[in-house]
């Protein structure tokens, strides 16, 4: 519904998405975690922070979330993060960086019905949000622990799905990154 009528559904969708991410991050860790050396590591596809600084902010900047909705979203987001901190704090971010054109090709290959209306310009705006937050550090963050958070950038524009050597290289980079946290 959000992709069909973004002005009507963006705030609702972003609220639901953030609450889903928050619930996931607050759940007790599964009995089986990713093991990196002696430490168990939890990895999330997205976090309550990416929800705010990438997806919700993007919808606001595109005019799909109005000023009042954006102010309300930021207020309750800040409140929830502060209430549940440190349970939702991150120790690092892995940025799977890929050009929007490659993301579009992969999206089409995936063939999810709900994603069929996504346009390249939307993916480009999400890409810029990621770049601004994670690389350029130009996004104003509201939580001190995010300001110097380590970011590992992996070139996800490469075709690694069937390339075992590339997968092994990525795994080594991720293992080294987690070992240094």
N, C-alpha and C. Protein backbone atom coordinates (compact mmCIF):
# COMPACT_ATOMS: atom_id res chain seq x y z
N UNK A 1 0.82 -1.19 0.00
CA UNK A 1 0.00 0.00 0.00
C UNK A 1 0.87 1.26 0.00
N UNK A 2 2.01 1.17 0.68
CA UNK A 2 2.90 2.33 0.75
C UNK A 2 3.45 2.68 -0.63
N UNK A 3 3.82 1.67 -1.41
CA UNK A 3 4.36 1.94 -2.74
C UNK A 3 3.25 2.43 -3.69
N UNK A 4 2.01 2.00 -3.46
CA UNK A 4 0.89 2.41 -4.30
C UNK A 4 0.47 3.86 -4.04
N UNK A 5 0.46 4.25 -2.76
CA UNK A 5 0.00 5.59 -2.37
C UNK A 5 0.89 6.10 -1.23
N UNK A 6 2.13 6.51 -1.56
CA UNK A 6 3.09 6.86 -0.52
C UNK A 6 2.67 8.02 0.38
N UNK A 7 1.99 9.02 -0.15
CA UNK A 7 1.58 10.15 0.71
C UNK A 7 0.58 9.69 1.77
N UNK A 8 -0.25 8.74 1.45
CA UNK A 8 -1.24 8.25 2.41
C UNK A 8 -0.63 7.27 3.41
N UNK A 9 0.26 6.38 2.96
CA UNK A 9 0.66 5.25 3.77
C UNK A 9 2.09 5.29 4.32
N UNK A 10 2.92 6.26 3.94
CA UNK A 10 4.33 6.26 4.38
C UNK A 10 4.48 6.35 5.89
N UNK A 11 3.75 7.25 6.52
CA UNK A 11 3.87 7.38 7.97
C UNK A 11 3.45 6.07 8.65
N UNK A 12 2.34 5.51 8.24
CA UNK A 12 1.84 4.26 8.81
C UNK A 12 2.86 3.14 8.61
N UNK A 13 3.39 3.04 7.40
CA UNK A 13 4.37 1.99 7.09
C UNK A 13 5.64 2.17 7.91
N UNK A 14 6.14 3.40 7.98
CA UNK A 14 7.39 3.64 8.73
C UNK A 14 7.19 3.38 10.22
N UNK A 15 6.04 3.72 10.75
CA UNK A 15 5.74 3.44 12.15
C UNK A 15 5.74 1.94 12.39
N UNK A 16 5.05 1.21 11.54
CA UNK A 16 4.98 -0.25 11.66
C UNK A 16 6.37 -0.87 11.51
N UNK A 17 7.13 -0.41 10.54
CA UNK A 17 8.48 -0.95 10.31
C UNK A 17 9.38 -0.73 11.51
N UNK A 18 9.35 0.46 12.06
CA UNK A 18 10.20 0.77 13.21
C UNK A 18 9.80 -0.08 14.41
N UNK A 19 8.51 -0.22 14.66
CA UNK A 19 8.07 -1.05 15.78
C UNK A 19 8.49 -2.51 15.57
N UNK A 20 8.43 -3.00 14.35
CA UNK A 20 8.87 -4.37 14.07
C UNK A 20 10.35 -4.54 14.34
N UNK A 21 11.16 -3.56 13.92
CA UNK A 21 12.60 -3.63 14.16
C UNK A 21 12.90 -3.57 15.66
N UNK A 22 12.18 -2.70 16.36
CA UNK A 22 12.39 -2.57 17.80
C UNK A 22 12.06 -3.89 18.50
N UNK A 23 10.94 -4.50 18.16
CA UNK A 23 10.58 -5.80 18.75
C UNK A 23 11.66 -6.84 18.49
N UNK A 24 12.16 -6.87 17.27
CA UNK A 24 13.20 -7.83 16.92
C UNK A 24 14.46 -7.61 17.75
N UNK A 25 14.88 -6.37 17.87
CA UNK A 25 16.10 -6.08 18.62
C UNK A 25 15.94 -6.31 20.12
N UNK A 26 14.72 -6.26 20.63
CA UNK A 26 14.49 -6.46 22.05
C UNK A 26 14.28 -7.92 22.43
N UNK A 27 14.06 -8.77 21.44
CA UNK A 27 13.88 -10.19 21.74
C UNK A 27 15.17 -10.78 22.27
N UNK A 28 15.04 -11.77 23.16
CA UNK A 28 16.26 -12.43 23.62
C UNK A 28 16.98 -13.05 22.43
N UNK A 29 18.31 -13.08 22.50
CA UNK A 29 19.05 -13.66 21.38
C UNK A 29 18.67 -15.12 21.17
N UNK A 30 18.65 -15.54 19.93
CA UNK A 30 18.36 -16.95 19.67
C UNK A 30 19.47 -17.81 20.28
N UNK A 31 19.15 -19.06 20.52
CA UNK A 31 20.15 -19.93 21.14
C UNK A 31 21.36 -20.12 20.24
N UNK A 32 21.15 -19.95 18.96
CA UNK A 32 22.26 -20.12 18.03
C UNK A 32 22.56 -18.80 17.34
N UNK A 33 23.68 -18.20 17.65
CA UNK A 33 24.09 -16.93 17.06
C UNK A 33 25.26 -17.15 16.12
N UNK A 34 25.52 -16.16 15.30
CA UNK A 34 26.70 -16.17 14.46
C UNK A 34 27.92 -16.16 15.37
N UNK A 35 28.80 -17.13 15.21
CA UNK A 35 29.97 -17.23 16.07
C UNK A 35 31.17 -16.62 15.35
N UNK A 36 31.72 -15.57 15.93
CA UNK A 36 32.93 -14.92 15.41
C UNK A 36 33.97 -15.06 16.51
N UNK A 37 34.99 -15.87 16.26
CA UNK A 37 35.99 -16.22 17.27
C UNK A 37 35.27 -16.70 18.52
N UNK A 38 35.52 -16.09 19.66
CA UNK A 38 34.88 -16.53 20.90
C UNK A 38 33.60 -15.79 21.21
N UNK A 39 33.25 -14.82 20.38
CA UNK A 39 32.08 -13.98 20.67
C UNK A 39 30.89 -14.38 19.80
N UNK A 40 29.71 -14.34 20.39
CA UNK A 40 28.48 -14.54 19.63
C UNK A 40 28.01 -13.16 19.14
N UNK A 41 27.59 -13.10 17.89
CA UNK A 41 27.23 -11.83 17.28
C UNK A 41 25.81 -11.91 16.74
N UNK A 42 25.02 -10.88 17.02
CA UNK A 42 23.70 -10.77 16.42
C UNK A 42 23.79 -9.80 15.25
N UNK A 43 23.24 -10.20 14.12
CA UNK A 43 23.26 -9.36 12.92
C UNK A 43 21.82 -9.13 12.51
N UNK A 44 21.49 -7.86 12.26
CA UNK A 44 20.15 -7.48 11.81
C UNK A 44 20.26 -6.90 10.41
N UNK A 45 19.25 -7.19 9.59
CA UNK A 45 19.24 -6.63 8.25
C UNK A 45 19.14 -5.11 8.32
N UNK A 46 18.29 -4.62 9.21
CA UNK A 46 18.14 -3.19 9.44
C UNK A 46 17.94 -2.98 10.92
N UNK A 47 18.06 -1.73 11.35
CA UNK A 47 17.92 -1.42 12.78
C UNK A 47 16.92 -0.28 12.95
N UNK A 48 16.62 0.03 14.21
CA UNK A 48 15.75 1.18 14.48
C UNK A 48 16.42 2.47 14.01
N UNK A 49 17.74 2.45 13.90
CA UNK A 49 18.46 3.65 13.45
C UNK A 49 18.37 3.80 11.93
N UNK A 50 18.55 2.71 11.20
CA UNK A 50 18.41 2.81 9.74
C UNK A 50 16.97 3.15 9.37
N UNK A 51 16.04 2.67 10.18
CA UNK A 51 14.65 3.01 9.91
C UNK A 51 14.46 4.52 9.93
N UNK A 52 15.06 5.18 10.92
CA UNK A 52 14.90 6.64 11.05
C UNK A 52 15.76 7.40 10.05
N UNK A 53 17.06 7.08 10.02
CA UNK A 53 18.01 7.90 9.26
C UNK A 53 18.08 7.56 7.77
N UNK A 54 17.45 6.48 7.37
CA UNK A 54 17.41 6.13 5.94
C UNK A 54 15.97 6.21 5.43
N UNK A 55 15.13 5.31 5.91
CA UNK A 55 13.83 5.11 5.30
C UNK A 55 12.80 6.19 5.67
N UNK A 56 12.64 6.47 6.95
CA UNK A 56 11.66 7.48 7.36
C UNK A 56 12.10 8.87 6.90
N UNK A 57 13.40 9.17 7.08
CA UNK A 57 13.90 10.48 6.65
C UNK A 57 13.74 10.64 5.14
N UNK A 58 13.97 9.58 4.40
CA UNK A 58 13.81 9.63 2.95
C UNK A 58 12.36 9.96 2.57
N UNK A 59 11.42 9.32 3.23
CA UNK A 59 10.01 9.59 2.91
C UNK A 59 9.62 11.02 3.28
N UNK A 60 10.20 11.54 4.37
CA UNK A 60 9.95 12.93 4.72
C UNK A 60 10.52 13.86 3.64
N UNK A 61 11.76 13.61 3.24
CA UNK A 61 12.40 14.48 2.24
C UNK A 61 11.72 14.38 0.88
N UNK A 62 11.09 13.25 0.59
CA UNK A 62 10.35 13.11 -0.67
C UNK A 62 8.96 13.74 -0.59
N UNK A 63 8.58 14.21 0.59
CA UNK A 63 7.27 14.84 0.76
C UNK A 63 6.15 13.86 1.00
N UNK A 64 6.49 12.61 1.31
CA UNK A 64 5.46 11.58 1.55
C UNK A 64 5.04 11.52 3.02
N UNK A 65 5.85 12.09 3.88
CA UNK A 65 5.53 12.24 5.31
C UNK A 65 5.54 13.74 5.56
N UNK A 66 4.45 14.26 6.11
CA UNK A 66 4.39 15.71 6.31
C UNK A 66 5.17 16.13 7.56
N UNK A 67 5.30 17.41 7.75
CA UNK A 67 6.11 17.97 8.85
C UNK A 67 5.61 17.51 10.22
N UNK A 68 4.31 17.50 10.40
CA UNK A 68 3.74 17.06 11.69
C UNK A 68 4.04 15.58 11.93
N UNK A 69 3.81 14.74 10.93
CA UNK A 69 4.09 13.31 11.06
C UNK A 69 5.57 13.07 11.36
N UNK A 70 6.44 13.80 10.68
CA UNK A 70 7.88 13.65 10.88
C UNK A 70 8.27 14.04 12.30
N UNK A 71 7.70 15.13 12.81
CA UNK A 71 7.99 15.55 14.19
C UNK A 71 7.51 14.50 15.19
N UNK A 72 6.32 13.95 14.98
CA UNK A 72 5.79 12.91 15.87
C UNK A 72 6.66 11.66 15.78
N UNK A 73 7.00 11.24 14.57
CA UNK A 73 7.85 10.06 14.39
C UNK A 73 9.17 10.23 15.14
N UNK A 74 9.83 11.37 14.94
CA UNK A 74 11.12 11.59 15.59
C UNK A 74 10.98 11.60 17.12
N UNK A 75 9.90 12.18 17.62
CA UNK A 75 9.71 12.27 19.06
C UNK A 75 9.54 10.89 19.67
N UNK A 76 8.63 10.08 19.12
CA UNK A 76 8.45 8.76 19.72
C UNK A 76 9.64 7.85 19.45
N UNK A 77 10.31 8.01 18.32
CA UNK A 77 11.52 7.22 18.04
C UNK A 77 12.59 7.51 19.08
N UNK A 78 12.85 8.79 19.33
CA UNK A 78 13.84 9.17 20.33
C UNK A 78 13.46 8.63 21.70
N UNK A 79 12.20 8.77 22.07
CA UNK A 79 11.73 8.27 23.37
C UNK A 79 11.97 6.77 23.49
N UNK A 80 11.57 6.00 22.49
CA UNK A 80 11.72 4.54 22.56
C UNK A 80 13.19 4.13 22.60
N UNK A 81 14.00 4.74 21.77
CA UNK A 81 15.43 4.39 21.76
C UNK A 81 16.05 4.71 23.11
N UNK A 82 15.71 5.85 23.67
CA UNK A 82 16.26 6.20 24.98
C UNK A 82 15.76 5.26 26.07
N UNK A 83 14.50 4.83 25.99
CA UNK A 83 13.94 3.92 26.99
C UNK A 83 14.57 2.53 26.93
N UNK A 84 14.89 2.08 25.75
CA UNK A 84 15.40 0.72 25.58
C UNK A 84 16.91 0.64 25.38
N UNK A 85 17.56 1.78 25.44
CA UNK A 85 19.01 1.79 25.36
C UNK A 85 19.53 1.13 26.63
N UNK A 86 20.53 0.35 26.66
CA UNK A 86 21.46 -0.04 25.60
C UNK A 86 21.05 -1.29 24.81
N UNK A 87 19.84 -1.81 25.03
CA UNK A 87 19.42 -3.03 24.34
C UNK A 87 19.37 -2.88 22.83
N UNK A 88 19.21 -1.64 22.34
CA UNK A 88 19.10 -1.44 20.90
C UNK A 88 20.33 -0.75 20.31
N UNK A 89 21.35 -0.51 21.15
CA UNK A 89 22.56 0.12 20.62
C UNK A 89 23.30 -0.85 19.71
N UNK A 90 23.93 -0.28 18.72
CA UNK A 90 24.71 -1.07 17.77
C UNK A 90 26.19 -0.97 18.13
N UNK A 91 26.93 -1.99 17.76
CA UNK A 91 28.38 -1.96 17.96
C UNK A 91 29.10 -1.65 16.66
N UNK A 92 28.43 -1.85 15.55
CA UNK A 92 29.00 -1.56 14.25
C UNK A 92 27.94 -1.75 13.18
N UNK A 93 28.25 -1.27 11.99
CA UNK A 93 27.34 -1.39 10.85
C UNK A 93 28.11 -1.97 9.67
N UNK A 94 27.48 -2.93 9.01
CA UNK A 94 28.01 -3.45 7.76
C UNK A 94 27.15 -2.84 6.66
N UNK A 95 27.77 -2.07 5.80
CA UNK A 95 27.07 -1.38 4.71
C UNK A 95 27.33 -2.17 3.43
N UNK A 96 26.30 -2.85 2.95
CA UNK A 96 26.38 -3.56 1.68
C UNK A 96 26.09 -2.53 0.59
N UNK A 97 27.13 -1.93 0.09
CA UNK A 97 27.02 -0.80 -0.84
C UNK A 97 26.92 -1.30 -2.27
N UNK A 98 25.83 -0.91 -2.92
CA UNK A 98 25.61 -1.30 -4.32
C UNK A 98 24.95 -0.15 -5.06
N UNK A 99 25.33 0.07 -6.31
CA UNK A 99 24.68 1.12 -7.09
C UNK A 99 23.18 0.85 -7.23
N UNK A 100 22.38 1.90 -7.22
CA UNK A 100 20.93 1.74 -7.34
C UNK A 100 20.51 0.93 -8.58
N UNK A 101 21.26 1.06 -9.68
CA UNK A 101 20.90 0.32 -10.89
C UNK A 101 21.02 -1.19 -10.66
N UNK A 102 22.02 -1.61 -9.91
CA UNK A 102 22.19 -3.03 -9.61
C UNK A 102 21.10 -3.48 -8.64
N UNK A 103 20.78 -2.62 -7.68
CA UNK A 103 19.69 -2.94 -6.75
C UNK A 103 18.38 -3.13 -7.52
N UNK A 104 18.14 -2.30 -8.52
CA UNK A 104 16.92 -2.41 -9.32
C UNK A 104 16.90 -3.74 -10.08
N UNK A 105 18.02 -4.12 -10.66
CA UNK A 105 18.09 -5.41 -11.37
C UNK A 105 17.79 -6.56 -10.42
N UNK A 106 18.36 -6.52 -9.23
CA UNK A 106 18.15 -7.58 -8.25
C UNK A 106 16.71 -7.59 -7.75
N UNK A 107 16.13 -6.42 -7.59
CA UNK A 107 14.74 -6.30 -7.17
C UNK A 107 13.82 -6.95 -8.21
N UNK A 108 14.08 -6.67 -9.46
CA UNK A 108 13.26 -7.26 -10.53
C UNK A 108 13.45 -8.77 -10.60
N UNK A 109 14.69 -9.22 -10.40
CA UNK A 109 14.99 -10.66 -10.42
C UNK A 109 14.28 -11.37 -9.27
N UNK A 110 14.19 -10.69 -8.10
CA UNK A 110 13.50 -11.26 -6.94
C UNK A 110 12.03 -11.47 -7.24
N UNK A 111 11.44 -10.51 -7.94
CA UNK A 111 10.06 -10.65 -8.39
C UNK A 111 8.99 -10.56 -7.32
N UNK A 112 9.23 -9.86 -6.24
CA UNK A 112 8.21 -9.71 -5.20
C UNK A 112 7.11 -8.77 -5.71
N UNK A 113 5.88 -9.21 -5.58
CA UNK A 113 4.74 -8.44 -6.09
C UNK A 113 4.70 -7.05 -5.48
N UNK A 114 4.90 -6.95 -4.16
CA UNK A 114 4.80 -5.66 -3.47
C UNK A 114 5.88 -4.68 -3.88
N UNK A 115 6.96 -5.16 -4.52
CA UNK A 115 8.05 -4.28 -4.93
C UNK A 115 7.98 -3.86 -6.39
N UNK A 116 6.99 -4.30 -7.11
CA UNK A 116 6.93 -4.04 -8.55
C UNK A 116 6.80 -2.57 -8.91
N UNK A 117 6.24 -1.75 -8.03
CA UNK A 117 6.07 -0.33 -8.33
C UNK A 117 7.28 0.53 -7.97
N UNK A 118 8.32 -0.07 -7.42
CA UNK A 118 9.48 0.72 -7.00
C UNK A 118 10.21 1.26 -8.22
N UNK A 119 10.51 2.55 -8.18
CA UNK A 119 11.19 3.22 -9.28
C UNK A 119 12.67 3.42 -8.95
N UNK A 120 13.48 3.57 -9.98
CA UNK A 120 14.91 3.77 -9.80
C UNK A 120 15.20 5.04 -8.99
N UNK A 121 14.44 6.09 -9.19
CA UNK A 121 14.71 7.33 -8.43
C UNK A 121 14.52 7.13 -6.93
N UNK A 122 13.59 6.25 -6.53
CA UNK A 122 13.41 5.94 -5.11
C UNK A 122 14.66 5.22 -4.58
N UNK A 123 15.17 4.26 -5.33
CA UNK A 123 16.39 3.55 -4.92
C UNK A 123 17.58 4.50 -4.87
N UNK A 124 17.63 5.44 -5.80
CA UNK A 124 18.71 6.44 -5.79
C UNK A 124 18.64 7.31 -4.54
N UNK A 125 17.44 7.69 -4.14
CA UNK A 125 17.31 8.52 -2.94
C UNK A 125 17.69 7.72 -1.69
N UNK A 126 17.34 6.43 -1.64
CA UNK A 126 17.77 5.60 -0.51
C UNK A 126 19.29 5.44 -0.49
N UNK A 127 19.87 5.29 -1.66
CA UNK A 127 21.34 5.17 -1.77
C UNK A 127 22.00 6.43 -1.20
N UNK A 128 21.47 7.59 -1.56
CA UNK A 128 22.04 8.85 -1.05
C UNK A 128 21.88 8.97 0.47
N UNK A 129 20.76 8.49 0.99
CA UNK A 129 20.57 8.51 2.45
C UNK A 129 21.63 7.65 3.13
N UNK A 130 21.89 6.47 2.58
CA UNK A 130 22.94 5.60 3.13
C UNK A 130 24.30 6.28 3.05
N UNK A 131 24.61 6.85 1.89
CA UNK A 131 25.90 7.52 1.71
C UNK A 131 26.06 8.67 2.70
N UNK A 132 25.01 9.48 2.84
CA UNK A 132 25.08 10.64 3.73
C UNK A 132 25.25 10.23 5.19
N UNK A 133 24.56 9.18 5.59
CA UNK A 133 24.64 8.77 6.99
C UNK A 133 25.92 7.99 7.29
N UNK A 134 26.22 7.00 6.46
CA UNK A 134 27.30 6.07 6.80
C UNK A 134 28.67 6.49 6.32
N UNK A 135 28.77 7.17 5.20
CA UNK A 135 30.08 7.52 4.65
C UNK A 135 30.41 9.00 4.81
N UNK A 136 29.50 9.86 4.36
CA UNK A 136 29.77 11.31 4.41
C UNK A 136 29.60 11.88 5.81
N UNK A 137 28.88 11.15 6.67
CA UNK A 137 28.60 11.59 8.04
C UNK A 137 27.91 12.95 8.06
N UNK A 138 27.09 13.22 7.03
CA UNK A 138 26.43 14.52 6.93
C UNK A 138 25.01 14.50 7.50
N UNK A 139 24.51 13.32 7.85
CA UNK A 139 23.20 13.23 8.47
C UNK A 139 23.33 13.57 9.94
N UNK A 140 22.47 14.46 10.42
CA UNK A 140 22.52 14.82 11.84
C UNK A 140 21.92 13.68 12.64
N UNK A 141 22.75 13.04 13.48
CA UNK A 141 22.26 11.96 14.33
C UNK A 141 22.00 12.49 15.73
N UNK A 142 21.06 11.89 16.41
CA UNK A 142 20.59 12.38 17.69
C UNK A 142 21.06 11.51 18.86
N UNK A 143 21.88 10.53 18.60
CA UNK A 143 22.34 9.61 19.63
C UNK A 143 23.86 9.57 19.59
N UNK A 144 24.49 9.92 20.69
CA UNK A 144 25.94 10.06 20.74
C UNK A 144 26.68 8.80 20.30
N UNK A 145 26.17 7.62 20.67
CA UNK A 145 26.89 6.39 20.34
C UNK A 145 26.96 6.13 18.83
N UNK A 146 26.14 6.80 18.05
CA UNK A 146 26.17 6.60 16.59
C UNK A 146 27.25 7.44 15.91
N UNK A 147 27.72 8.47 16.57
CA UNK A 147 28.61 9.43 15.92
C UNK A 147 29.94 8.84 15.50
N UNK A 148 30.47 7.89 16.25
CA UNK A 148 31.75 7.26 15.91
C UNK A 148 31.62 5.76 15.72
N UNK A 149 30.45 5.33 15.33
CA UNK A 149 30.18 3.91 15.13
C UNK A 149 30.99 3.40 13.94
N UNK A 150 31.73 2.30 14.12
CA UNK A 150 32.49 1.78 12.98
C UNK A 150 31.57 1.24 11.88
N UNK A 151 31.96 1.49 10.65
CA UNK A 151 31.19 1.04 9.49
C UNK A 151 32.12 0.26 8.57
N UNK A 152 31.73 -0.97 8.28
CA UNK A 152 32.43 -1.79 7.29
C UNK A 152 31.67 -1.67 5.98
N UNK A 153 32.35 -1.26 4.93
CA UNK A 153 31.71 -1.13 3.63
C UNK A 153 32.13 -2.30 2.75
N UNK A 154 31.15 -3.06 2.29
CA UNK A 154 31.40 -4.17 1.37
C UNK A 154 30.82 -3.81 0.02
N UNK A 155 31.55 -4.10 -1.03
CA UNK A 155 31.10 -3.78 -2.38
C UNK A 155 30.08 -4.82 -2.83
N UNK A 156 28.82 -4.56 -2.50
CA UNK A 156 27.75 -5.49 -2.87
C UNK A 156 27.30 -5.30 -4.31
N UNK A 157 27.96 -4.41 -5.03
CA UNK A 157 27.70 -4.27 -6.45
C UNK A 157 28.32 -5.42 -7.24
N UNK A 158 29.25 -6.12 -6.62
CA UNK A 158 29.88 -7.28 -7.23
C UNK A 158 28.91 -8.45 -7.20
N UNK A 159 28.99 -9.29 -8.20
CA UNK A 159 28.13 -10.48 -8.23
C UNK A 159 28.80 -11.58 -7.40
N UNK A 160 28.37 -11.70 -6.15
CA UNK A 160 29.01 -12.63 -5.22
C UNK A 160 28.15 -13.85 -4.90
N UNK A 161 26.91 -13.87 -5.39
CA UNK A 161 25.99 -14.93 -5.01
C UNK A 161 26.52 -16.33 -5.34
N UNK A 162 27.17 -16.49 -6.48
CA UNK A 162 27.69 -17.80 -6.88
C UNK A 162 29.21 -17.86 -6.87
N UNK A 163 29.85 -16.79 -6.41
CA UNK A 163 31.31 -16.70 -6.41
C UNK A 163 31.82 -17.05 -5.01
N UNK A 164 32.26 -18.29 -4.83
CA UNK A 164 32.70 -18.76 -3.51
C UNK A 164 33.92 -18.01 -3.01
N UNK A 165 34.81 -17.64 -3.90
CA UNK A 165 36.00 -16.89 -3.51
C UNK A 165 35.61 -15.50 -2.97
N UNK A 166 34.69 -14.85 -3.64
CA UNK A 166 34.21 -13.54 -3.20
C UNK A 166 33.50 -13.67 -1.85
N UNK A 167 32.69 -14.70 -1.69
CA UNK A 167 31.99 -14.92 -0.43
C UNK A 167 33.00 -15.13 0.71
N UNK A 168 34.04 -15.89 0.45
CA UNK A 168 35.07 -16.14 1.46
C UNK A 168 35.78 -14.83 1.82
N UNK A 169 36.04 -13.99 0.83
CA UNK A 169 36.68 -12.70 1.09
C UNK A 169 35.79 -11.83 1.97
N UNK A 170 34.50 -11.77 1.63
CA UNK A 170 33.56 -10.99 2.44
C UNK A 170 33.50 -11.52 3.86
N UNK A 171 33.47 -12.84 4.01
CA UNK A 171 33.41 -13.44 5.34
C UNK A 171 34.65 -13.10 6.15
N UNK A 172 35.82 -13.10 5.51
CA UNK A 172 37.05 -12.70 6.20
C UNK A 172 36.97 -11.24 6.66
N UNK A 173 36.47 -10.38 5.79
CA UNK A 173 36.35 -8.97 6.14
C UNK A 173 35.37 -8.76 7.30
N UNK A 174 34.26 -9.47 7.27
CA UNK A 174 33.27 -9.36 8.35
C UNK A 174 33.85 -9.91 9.65
N UNK A 175 34.54 -11.03 9.58
CA UNK A 175 35.14 -11.62 10.78
C UNK A 175 36.17 -10.68 11.39
N UNK A 176 37.00 -10.08 10.56
CA UNK A 176 38.00 -9.12 11.04
C UNK A 176 37.31 -7.90 11.66
N UNK A 177 36.27 -7.43 11.02
CA UNK A 177 35.52 -6.27 11.52
C UNK A 177 34.94 -6.57 12.91
N UNK A 178 34.25 -7.70 13.05
CA UNK A 178 33.65 -8.05 14.34
C UNK A 178 34.71 -8.30 15.41
N UNK A 179 35.84 -8.85 15.02
CA UNK A 179 36.91 -9.12 15.98
C UNK A 179 37.46 -7.84 16.56
N UNK A 180 37.39 -6.74 15.78
CA UNK A 180 37.92 -5.47 16.24
C UNK A 180 36.95 -4.64 17.06
N UNK A 181 35.72 -5.11 17.21
CA UNK A 181 34.72 -4.33 17.96
C UNK A 181 34.85 -4.56 19.45
